[in-house]
Amino acid sequence: MGHLMQTYNIHDAKTQLSRLVEQAARGESFVIAKAGKPMVKVTALDAPGPADAHAVAIGMLPPIHKDPFDRLLIAQATVEGITLLTDDAIVATYPGPILLA
């Protein structure tokens, strides 16, 4: 039988981000849900498997910005169709719905 993947709501994922990133890096993928609806799957960059055209992988973002929370926030905004407003010039260079303040 298949392994049931752990799911975290957005708030829990934000508060446990460091631990969850380490978990994914060890090959233990997980899902982030909003209001109980699965939104994104977080997995290690070198994990095998076909890319889902509708998924936004955190690793697909340019590796310029070192803060994984910012990368997760950008991925979440992309999935949810929310435009981010930032004064961080590096964050503004990422693809997605981002405006420089």
Protein backbone atom coordinates (compact mmCIF):
# COMPACT_ATOMS: atom_id res chain seq x y z
CA MET A 1 0.00 0.00 0.00
CA GLY A 2 1.08 3.60 -0.65
CA HIS A 3 2.39 5.89 2.04
CA LEU A 4 -0.07 8.59 3.14
CA MET A 5 1.63 11.97 2.80
CA GLN A 6 1.50 14.32 5.79
CA THR A 7 -0.58 17.49 5.27
CA TYR A 8 -0.08 20.80 7.10
CA ASN A 9 -2.26 23.90 7.04
CA ILE A 10 -0.60 27.14 5.91
CA HIS A 11 -0.24 28.52 9.45
CA ASP A 12 1.45 25.35 10.73
CA ALA A 13 3.73 25.25 7.68
CA LYS A 14 4.83 28.84 8.36
CA THR A 15 5.56 28.19 12.03
CA GLN A 16 7.41 24.91 11.31
CA LEU A 17 9.07 25.92 8.04
CA SER A 18 12.69 25.10 8.98
CA ARG A 19 11.77 21.63 10.22
CA LEU A 20 9.53 20.95 7.22
CA VAL A 21 12.22 22.04 4.73
CA GLU A 22 14.66 19.62 6.38
CA GLN A 23 11.99 16.91 6.23
CA ALA A 24 11.48 17.45 2.49
CA ALA A 25 15.24 17.53 1.89
CA ARG A 26 15.43 14.04 3.49
CA GLY A 27 12.94 12.83 0.89
CA GLU A 28 9.82 13.07 3.07
CA SER A 29 7.49 15.15 0.89
CA PHE A 30 4.45 16.84 2.41
CA VAL A 31 1.37 18.83 1.35
CA ILE A 32 0.34 22.34 2.38
CA ALA A 33 -3.42 22.90 2.52
CA LYS A 34 -5.63 25.98 2.79
CA ALA A 35 -8.97 25.51 4.56
CA GLY A 36 -8.46 21.75 4.27
CA LYS A 37 -7.91 21.86 0.50
CA PRO A 38 -4.48 20.60 -0.64
CA MET A 39 -2.69 23.45 -2.45
CA VAL A 40 0.99 22.49 -2.96
CA LYS A 41 3.26 19.51 -2.53
CA VAL A 42 6.72 20.26 -1.14
CA THR A 43 9.42 17.80 -2.15
CA ALA A 44 13.20 17.67 -2.45
CA LEU A 45 14.61 19.20 -5.64
CA ASP A 46 16.29 15.95 -6.62
CA ALA A 47 13.18 13.83 -5.99
CA PRO A 48 12.18 11.75 -9.02
CA GLY A 49 8.78 12.06 -10.62
CA PRO A 50 6.93 13.92 -13.36
CA ALA A 51 6.40 17.66 -12.98
CA ASP A 52 2.80 18.74 -12.52
CA ALA A 53 2.04 21.67 -14.85
CA HIS A 54 -0.27 23.19 -12.22
CA ALA A 55 2.13 22.89 -9.29
CA VAL A 56 4.50 25.61 -8.15
CA ALA A 57 7.66 24.05 -6.77
CA ILE A 58 9.65 26.20 -4.40
CA GLY A 59 12.81 24.97 -6.11
CA MET A 60 11.65 26.40 -9.44
CA LEU A 61 12.26 29.91 -8.15
CA PRO A 62 15.70 31.44 -8.79
CA PRO A 63 18.13 30.62 -5.96
CA ILE A 64 19.12 34.26 -5.35
CA HIS A 65 17.16 34.83 -2.16
CA LYS A 66 18.30 32.74 0.79
CA ASP A 67 15.15 33.03 2.92
CA PRO A 68 13.00 29.90 2.33
CA PHE A 69 9.99 31.65 3.90
CA ASP A 70 10.06 34.28 1.14
CA ARG A 71 10.25 31.54 -1.47
CA LEU A 72 7.31 29.72 0.14
CA LEU A 73 5.33 32.96 0.33
CA ILE A 74 5.91 33.62 -3.39
CA ALA A 75 4.84 30.07 -4.28
CA GLN A 76 1.72 30.43 -2.12
CA ALA A 77 0.83 33.78 -3.71
CA THR A 78 1.28 32.28 -7.18
CA VAL A 79 -1.01 29.33 -6.39
CA GLU A 80 -3.65 31.57 -4.80
CA GLY A 81 -3.46 34.29 -7.47
CA ILE A 82 -2.46 36.96 -4.93
CA THR A 83 -0.17 39.84 -5.95
CA LEU A 84 2.63 40.53 -3.46
CA LEU A 85 3.77 44.09 -2.81
CA THR A 86 7.39 44.27 -1.63
CA ASP A 87 10.20 46.75 -1.12
CA ASP A 88 12.78 43.94 -1.42
CA ALA A 89 14.40 44.34 -4.84
CA ILE A 90 15.59 40.71 -4.84
CA VAL A 91 12.11 39.34 -4.13
CA ALA A 92 10.74 41.57 -6.90
CA THR A 93 12.96 39.76 -9.46
CA TYR A 94 11.19 36.40 -8.90
CA PRO A 95 8.63 35.30 -11.46
CA GLY A 96 5.07 35.59 -10.31
CA PRO A 97 2.55 38.16 -9.14
CA ILE A 98 5.01 40.55 -7.43
CA LEU A 99 5.10 44.35 -7.50
CA LEU A 100 7.99 46.47 -6.22
CA ALA A 101 6.76 49.18 -3.81
